[in-house]
Amino acid sequence: MTSATAASLPSPTPLRADASVIGLVGIAHLISHYSQLLLAPLFPWLKDEFQVGYTELGFLMTIFFVVSCAVQAGSGFVVDRFGPRPILFAGLALLGLAAFGFAASTSYAMLAGFSVLAGIGNGVFHPVDYT
């Protein structure tokens, strides 16, 4: 290898920087998976509170995952345009808002709306993680 080629190689990323990025992505991914499991354990109480069946409650999960899938398809372009960090934090914020919204919901329609919001927030994680 000549000195000209060695000089043109990018300098290696310090271990500390790599560890912080991996840690941030790992924690965000943990929150993503936690949010996927947020409602299901509450189904027995939600069933009684909102006078709905398990089918309707399962449909909330369907809404979440369909929206998440649709958002994943397009959010890669958004991540490329604006960078992964702001998109990651926006997704985390939407998941947090959805969690508080689930807690404050007074109707099944509100639960469905917050399932959409949670799906949008969750949909950004895989495109962000691969960037």
N, C-alpha and C. Protein backbone atom coordinates (compact mmCIF):
# COMPACT_ATOMS: atom_id res chain seq x y z
N MET A 1 0.85 -1.16 0.00
CA MET A 1 0.00 0.00 0.00
C MET A 1 0.90 1.23 0.00
N THR A 2 0.60 2.19 -0.80
CA THR A 2 1.41 3.40 -0.85
C THR A 2 0.91 4.40 0.18
N SER A 3 1.72 5.39 0.44
CA SER A 3 1.33 6.39 1.43
C SER A 3 0.15 7.22 0.94
N ALA A 4 -0.01 7.37 -0.37
CA ALA A 4 -1.14 8.13 -0.90
C ALA A 4 -2.45 7.40 -0.62
N THR A 5 -2.46 6.07 -0.77
CA THR A 5 -3.69 5.32 -0.50
C THR A 5 -3.96 5.26 0.99
N ALA A 6 -2.93 5.13 1.78
CA ALA A 6 -3.13 5.07 3.23
C ALA A 6 -3.69 6.39 3.75
N ALA A 7 -3.26 7.50 3.16
CA ALA A 7 -3.76 8.81 3.60
C ALA A 7 -5.22 9.02 3.22
N SER A 8 -5.67 8.37 2.15
CA SER A 8 -7.05 8.58 1.71
C SER A 8 -8.06 7.70 2.44
N LEU A 9 -7.58 6.75 3.23
CA LEU A 9 -8.50 5.90 3.99
C LEU A 9 -9.12 6.69 5.12
N PRO A 10 -10.40 6.48 5.39
CA PRO A 10 -11.02 7.20 6.50
C PRO A 10 -10.46 6.70 7.83
N SER A 11 -10.39 7.60 8.78
CA SER A 11 -9.88 7.20 10.09
C SER A 11 -10.93 6.34 10.78
N PRO A 12 -10.50 5.36 11.56
CA PRO A 12 -11.46 4.49 12.23
C PRO A 12 -12.25 5.26 13.28
N THR A 13 -13.50 4.87 13.45
CA THR A 13 -14.35 5.50 14.44
C THR A 13 -13.92 5.03 15.83
N PRO A 14 -13.80 5.95 16.78
CA PRO A 14 -13.41 5.53 18.12
C PRO A 14 -14.44 4.58 18.73
N LEU A 15 -13.96 3.67 19.55
CA LEU A 15 -14.82 2.67 20.18
C LEU A 15 -15.93 3.32 20.99
N ARG A 16 -15.62 4.40 21.67
CA ARG A 16 -16.63 5.07 22.50
C ARG A 16 -17.80 5.59 21.64
N ALA A 17 -17.49 6.15 20.48
CA ALA A 17 -18.55 6.64 19.59
C ALA A 17 -19.39 5.48 19.08
N ASP A 18 -18.74 4.39 18.69
CA ASP A 18 -19.48 3.21 18.25
C ASP A 18 -20.38 2.68 19.36
N ALA A 19 -19.85 2.61 20.57
CA ALA A 19 -20.62 2.08 21.69
C ALA A 19 -21.83 2.95 21.99
N SER A 20 -21.69 4.27 21.89
CA SER A 20 -22.84 5.13 22.18
C SER A 20 -23.91 4.99 21.11
N VAL A 21 -23.51 4.87 19.85
CA VAL A 21 -24.49 4.68 18.77
C VAL A 21 -25.19 3.33 18.92
N ILE A 22 -24.42 2.29 19.17
CA ILE A 22 -25.01 0.96 19.34
C ILE A 22 -25.94 0.95 20.55
N GLY A 23 -25.54 1.61 21.63
CA GLY A 23 -26.39 1.68 22.82
C GLY A 23 -27.68 2.42 22.55
N LEU A 24 -27.61 3.54 21.85
CA LEU A 24 -28.81 4.31 21.52
C LEU A 24 -29.75 3.50 20.64
N VAL A 25 -29.21 2.87 19.62
CA VAL A 25 -30.03 2.05 18.73
C VAL A 25 -30.63 0.87 19.49
N GLY A 26 -29.84 0.25 20.36
CA GLY A 26 -30.34 -0.89 21.15
C GLY A 26 -31.47 -0.50 22.08
N ILE A 27 -31.32 0.63 22.77
CA ILE A 27 -32.38 1.09 23.67
C ILE A 27 -33.63 1.46 22.88
N ALA A 28 -33.46 2.12 21.76
CA ALA A 28 -34.61 2.47 20.93
C ALA A 28 -35.32 1.21 20.43
N HIS A 29 -34.55 0.21 20.06
CA HIS A 29 -35.15 -1.03 19.58
C HIS A 29 -35.88 -1.75 20.72
N LEU A 30 -35.33 -1.69 21.92
CA LEU A 30 -36.01 -2.25 23.09
C LEU A 30 -37.35 -1.55 23.31
N ILE A 31 -37.36 -0.23 23.21
CA ILE A 31 -38.61 0.52 23.36
C ILE A 31 -39.59 0.14 22.27
N SER A 32 -39.10 -0.06 21.06
CA SER A 32 -39.96 -0.47 19.96
C SER A 32 -40.66 -1.79 20.27
N HIS A 33 -39.90 -2.76 20.74
CA HIS A 33 -40.50 -4.06 21.05
C HIS A 33 -41.40 -3.98 22.27
N TYR A 34 -41.04 -3.16 23.23
CA TYR A 34 -41.89 -2.97 24.41
C TYR A 34 -43.24 -2.39 23.99
N SER A 35 -43.21 -1.40 23.08
CA SER A 35 -44.47 -0.78 22.66
C SER A 35 -45.37 -1.77 21.92
N GLN A 36 -44.77 -2.74 21.26
CA GLN A 36 -45.57 -3.76 20.57
C GLN A 36 -46.34 -4.62 21.56
N LEU A 37 -45.82 -4.72 22.77
CA LEU A 37 -46.45 -5.57 23.79
C LEU A 37 -47.19 -4.76 24.84
N LEU A 38 -47.40 -3.49 24.59
CA LEU A 38 -47.99 -2.60 25.59
C LEU A 38 -49.45 -2.93 25.89
N LEU A 39 -50.24 -3.18 24.87
CA LEU A 39 -51.69 -3.35 25.08
C LEU A 39 -52.12 -4.77 25.41
N ALA A 40 -51.50 -5.75 24.80
CA ALA A 40 -51.99 -7.13 24.92
C ALA A 40 -52.18 -7.60 26.36
N PRO A 41 -51.27 -7.33 27.29
CA PRO A 41 -51.50 -7.79 28.67
C PRO A 41 -52.68 -7.09 29.35
N LEU A 42 -53.10 -5.97 28.80
CA LEU A 42 -54.21 -5.21 29.38
C LEU A 42 -55.56 -5.59 28.81
N PHE A 43 -55.59 -6.50 27.85
CA PHE A 43 -56.84 -6.86 27.19
C PHE A 43 -57.96 -7.26 28.15
N PRO A 44 -57.73 -8.05 29.19
CA PRO A 44 -58.86 -8.40 30.07
C PRO A 44 -59.52 -7.17 30.71
N TRP A 45 -58.73 -6.20 31.10
CA TRP A 45 -59.29 -4.99 31.70
C TRP A 45 -59.89 -4.07 30.65
N LEU A 46 -59.24 -3.95 29.50
CA LEU A 46 -59.78 -3.11 28.43
C LEU A 46 -61.10 -3.66 27.91
N LYS A 47 -61.22 -4.97 27.86
CA LYS A 47 -62.46 -5.62 27.40
C LYS A 47 -63.63 -5.18 28.26
N ASP A 48 -63.44 -5.20 29.57
CA ASP A 48 -64.52 -4.79 30.47
C ASP A 48 -64.75 -3.28 30.44
N GLU A 49 -63.68 -2.53 30.41
CA GLU A 49 -63.78 -1.06 30.47
C GLU A 49 -64.48 -0.48 29.24
N PHE A 50 -64.18 -1.01 28.06
CA PHE A 50 -64.72 -0.45 26.83
C PHE A 50 -65.85 -1.28 26.24
N GLN A 51 -66.24 -2.34 26.93
CA GLN A 51 -67.35 -3.19 26.49
C GLN A 51 -67.15 -3.68 25.05
N VAL A 52 -65.96 -4.22 24.80
CA VAL A 52 -65.63 -4.78 23.49
C VAL A 52 -65.12 -6.19 23.69
N GLY A 53 -65.03 -6.94 22.61
CA GLY A 53 -64.52 -8.31 22.68
C GLY A 53 -63.04 -8.36 22.35
N TYR A 54 -62.51 -9.57 22.48
CA TYR A 54 -61.09 -9.76 22.17
C TYR A 54 -60.80 -9.56 20.69
N THR A 55 -61.79 -9.77 19.85
CA THR A 55 -61.60 -9.54 18.41
C THR A 55 -61.33 -8.07 18.14
N GLU A 56 -62.13 -7.20 18.75
CA GLU A 56 -61.93 -5.76 18.56
C GLU A 56 -60.58 -5.32 19.15
N LEU A 57 -60.23 -5.88 20.28
CA LEU A 57 -58.94 -5.54 20.89
C LEU A 57 -57.78 -6.05 20.04
N GLY A 58 -57.93 -7.23 19.48
CA GLY A 58 -56.90 -7.75 18.57
C GLY A 58 -56.78 -6.89 17.32
N PHE A 59 -57.89 -6.29 16.91
CA PHE A 59 -57.86 -5.41 15.75
C PHE A 59 -56.99 -4.17 16.02
N LEU A 60 -56.93 -3.74 17.28
CA LEU A 60 -56.03 -2.63 17.63
C LEU A 60 -54.58 -3.00 17.31
N MET A 61 -54.22 -4.24 17.59
CA MET A 61 -52.87 -4.70 17.28
C MET A 61 -52.66 -4.78 15.76
N THR A 62 -53.70 -5.19 15.05
CA THR A 62 -53.62 -5.22 13.59
C THR A 62 -53.39 -3.83 13.04
N ILE A 63 -54.13 -2.86 13.56
CA ILE A 63 -53.95 -1.46 13.14
C ILE A 63 -52.49 -1.05 13.37
N PHE A 64 -51.99 -1.32 14.55
CA PHE A 64 -50.62 -0.95 14.91
C PHE A 64 -49.62 -1.53 13.91
N PHE A 65 -49.72 -2.83 13.65
CA PHE A 65 -48.72 -3.49 12.80
C PHE A 65 -48.86 -3.12 11.33
N VAL A 66 -50.08 -2.93 10.84
CA VAL A 66 -50.26 -2.53 9.44
C VAL A 66 -49.70 -1.13 9.22
N VAL A 67 -50.01 -0.21 10.13
CA VAL A 67 -49.48 1.15 10.01
C VAL A 67 -47.96 1.13 10.12
N SER A 68 -47.43 0.37 11.06
CA SER A 68 -45.98 0.26 11.23
C SER A 68 -45.31 -0.25 9.96
N CYS A 69 -45.91 -1.24 9.34
CA CYS A 69 -45.36 -1.80 8.10
C CYS A 69 -45.39 -0.76 6.97
N ALA A 70 -46.50 -0.05 6.85
CA ALA A 70 -46.62 0.96 5.80
C ALA A 70 -45.62 2.09 6.01
N VAL A 71 -45.44 2.50 7.25
CA VAL A 71 -44.51 3.58 7.54
C VAL A 71 -43.06 3.14 7.29
N GLN A 72 -42.75 1.89 7.60
CA GLN A 72 -41.38 1.39 7.35
C GLN A 72 -41.02 1.51 5.88
N ALA A 73 -41.98 1.26 5.02
CA ALA A 73 -41.70 1.30 3.59
C ALA A 73 -41.25 2.68 3.13
N GLY A 74 -41.83 3.72 3.70
CA GLY A 74 -41.48 5.07 3.27
C GLY A 74 -40.48 5.80 4.14
N SER A 75 -40.31 5.35 5.37
CA SER A 75 -39.46 6.12 6.28
C SER A 75 -37.98 6.01 5.94
N GLY A 76 -37.59 5.02 5.18
CA GLY A 76 -36.20 4.95 4.75
C GLY A 76 -35.80 6.17 3.93
N PHE A 77 -36.71 6.65 3.09
CA PHE A 77 -36.44 7.85 2.30
C PHE A 77 -36.32 9.08 3.21
N VAL A 78 -37.18 9.13 4.23
CA VAL A 78 -37.14 10.25 5.17
C VAL A 78 -35.84 10.23 5.96
N VAL A 79 -35.41 9.05 6.37
CA VAL A 79 -34.14 8.91 7.11
C VAL A 79 -32.97 9.35 6.23
N ASP A 80 -32.99 8.98 4.96
CA ASP A 80 -31.92 9.40 4.05
C ASP A 80 -31.90 10.92 3.88
N ARG A 81 -33.07 11.53 3.92
CA ARG A 81 -33.16 12.98 3.71
C ARG A 81 -32.75 13.78 4.94
N PHE A 82 -33.21 13.36 6.13
CA PHE A 82 -33.02 14.15 7.35
C PHE A 82 -32.02 13.55 8.33
N GLY A 83 -31.57 12.34 8.08
CA GLY A 83 -30.64 11.68 8.99
C GLY A 83 -31.38 10.84 10.02
N PRO A 84 -30.70 9.86 10.59
CA PRO A 84 -31.38 8.92 11.48
C PRO A 84 -31.74 9.49 12.85
N ARG A 85 -30.91 10.36 13.39
CA ARG A 85 -31.13 10.82 14.77
C ARG A 85 -32.46 11.55 14.96
N PRO A 86 -32.80 12.57 14.17
CA PRO A 86 -34.09 13.24 14.41
C PRO A 86 -35.29 12.33 14.16
N ILE A 87 -35.16 11.42 13.22
CA ILE A 87 -36.26 10.50 12.93
C ILE A 87 -36.42 9.51 14.09
N LEU A 88 -35.31 9.04 14.64
CA LEU A 88 -35.37 8.14 15.79
C LEU A 88 -36.05 8.82 16.97
N PHE A 89 -35.65 10.05 17.26
CA PHE A 89 -36.25 10.76 18.39
C PHE A 89 -37.72 11.08 18.14
N ALA A 90 -38.07 11.37 16.90
CA ALA A 90 -39.48 11.61 16.58
C ALA A 90 -40.30 10.33 16.79
N GLY A 91 -39.75 9.19 16.37
CA GLY A 91 -40.44 7.92 16.59
C GLY A 91 -40.63 7.62 18.07
N LEU A 92 -39.58 7.87 18.86
CA LEU A 92 -39.68 7.66 20.31
C LEU A 92 -40.73 8.59 20.92
N ALA A 93 -40.76 9.83 20.47
CA ALA A 93 -41.74 10.78 20.98
C ALA A 93 -43.16 10.35 20.64
N LEU A 94 -43.37 9.88 19.42
CA LEU A 94 -44.71 9.41 19.03
C LEU A 94 -45.13 8.20 19.84
N LEU A 95 -44.20 7.29 20.10
CA LEU A 95 -44.53 6.13 20.93
C LEU A 95 -44.87 6.56 22.35
N GLY A 96 -44.15 7.52 22.88
CA GLY A 96 -44.45 8.04 24.21
C GLY A 96 -45.81 8.71 24.27
N LEU A 97 -46.11 9.52 23.26
CA LEU A 97 -47.44 10.15 23.20
C LEU A 97 -48.54 9.12 23.09
N ALA A 98 -48.31 8.09 22.29
CA ALA A 98 -49.31 7.04 22.14
C ALA A 98 -49.53 6.30 23.46
N ALA A 99 -48.46 6.04 24.20
CA ALA A 99 -48.60 5.35 25.48
C ALA A 99 -49.44 6.17 26.46
N PHE A 100 -49.16 7.47 26.53
CA PHE A 100 -49.99 8.33 27.38
C PHE A 100 -51.41 8.42 26.85
N GLY A 101 -51.55 8.42 25.53
CA GLY A 101 -52.88 8.44 24.94
C GLY A 101 -53.68 7.19 25.25
N PHE A 102 -53.02 6.03 25.21
CA PHE A 102 -53.70 4.80 25.59
C PHE A 102 -54.22 4.90 27.03
N ALA A 103 -53.38 5.45 27.91
CA ALA A 103 -53.76 5.57 29.32
C ALA A 103 -54.93 6.53 29.51
N ALA A 104 -55.02 7.55 28.68
CA ALA A 104 -56.07 8.56 28.83
C ALA A 104 -57.31 8.27 27.99
N SER A 105 -57.30 7.21 27.22
CA SER A 105 -58.41 6.91 26.31
C SER A 105 -59.70 6.65 27.08
N THR A 106 -60.78 7.21 26.53
CA THR A 106 -62.10 7.01 27.12
C THR A 106 -63.04 6.26 26.18
N SER A 107 -62.54 5.88 25.01
CA SER A 107 -63.38 5.14 24.07
C SER A 107 -62.50 4.23 23.21
N TYR A 108 -63.16 3.28 22.58
CA TYR A 108 -62.44 2.38 21.68
C TYR A 108 -61.85 3.15 20.50
N ALA A 109 -62.58 4.15 20.01
CA ALA A 109 -62.08 4.95 18.89
C ALA A 109 -60.77 5.66 19.25
N MET A 110 -60.67 6.12 20.49
CA MET A 110 -59.42 6.75 20.92
C MET A 110 -58.29 5.73 20.95
N LEU A 111 -58.58 4.52 21.42
CA LEU A 111 -57.56 3.47 21.41
C LEU A 111 -57.10 3.20 19.99
N ALA A 112 -58.04 3.17 19.04
CA ALA A 112 -57.68 2.93 17.64
C ALA A 112 -56.82 4.06 17.10
N GLY A 113 -57.16 5.29 17.43
CA GLY A 113 -56.36 6.43 16.99
C GLY A 113 -54.95 6.40 17.53
N PHE A 114 -54.82 6.04 18.79
CA PHE A 114 -53.48 5.96 19.38
C PHE A 114 -52.73 4.73 18.88
N SER A 115 -53.44 3.71 18.42
CA SER A 115 -52.77 2.58 17.77
C SER A 115 -52.13 3.03 16.45
N VAL A 116 -52.82 3.91 15.73
CA VAL A 116 -52.25 4.47 14.50
C VAL A 116 -51.00 5.28 14.84
N LEU A 117 -51.11 6.14 15.85
CA LEU A 117 -49.97 6.97 16.24
C LEU A 117 -48.78 6.11 16.68
N ALA A 118 -49.06 5.07 17.45
CA ALA A 118 -47.99 4.17 17.89
C ALA A 118 -47.37 3.44 16.69
N GLY A 119 -48.18 3.06 15.73
CA GLY A 119 -47.66 2.40 14.53
C GLY A 119 -46.75 3.31 13.73
N ILE A 120 -47.11 4.59 13.65
CA ILE A 120 -46.25 5.55 12.96
C ILE A 120 -44.92 5.68 13.69
N GLY A 121 -44.99 5.81 15.01
CA GLY A 121 -43.77 5.92 15.80
C GLY A 121 -42.90 4.69 15.70
N ASN A 122 -43.50 3.52 15.68
CA ASN A 122 -42.76 2.27 15.62
C ASN A 122 -42.17 2.02 14.23
N GLY A 123 -42.80 2.54 13.21
CA GLY A 123 -42.39 2.25 11.84
C GLY A 123 -41.04 2.80 11.43
N VAL A 124 -40.49 3.71 12.21
CA VAL A 124 -39.21 4.32 11.80
C VAL A 124 -38.00 3.56 12.30
N PHE A 125 -38.16 2.62 13.22
CA PHE A 125 -37.00 2.04 13.89
C PHE A 125 -36.10 1.21 12.99
N HIS A 126 -36.64 0.35 12.16
CA HIS A 126 -35.76 -0.48 11.33
C HIS A 126 -35.02 0.35 10.28
N PRO A 127 -35.66 1.29 9.58
CA PRO A 127 -34.88 2.12 8.66
C PRO A 127 -33.79 2.92 9.37
N VAL A 128 -34.09 3.42 10.57
CA VAL A 128 -33.08 4.17 11.33
C VAL A 128 -31.93 3.25 11.74
N ASP A 129 -32.26 2.04 12.17
CA ASP A 129 -31.23 1.11 12.65
C ASP A 129 -30.27 0.68 11.55
N TYR A 130 -30.71 0.67 10.31
CA TYR A 130 -29.85 0.23 9.22
C TYR A 130 -29.03 1.36 8.61
N THR A 131 -29.27 2.58 9.07
CA THR A 131 -28.57 3.74 8.49
C THR A 131 -27.28 3.99 9.21
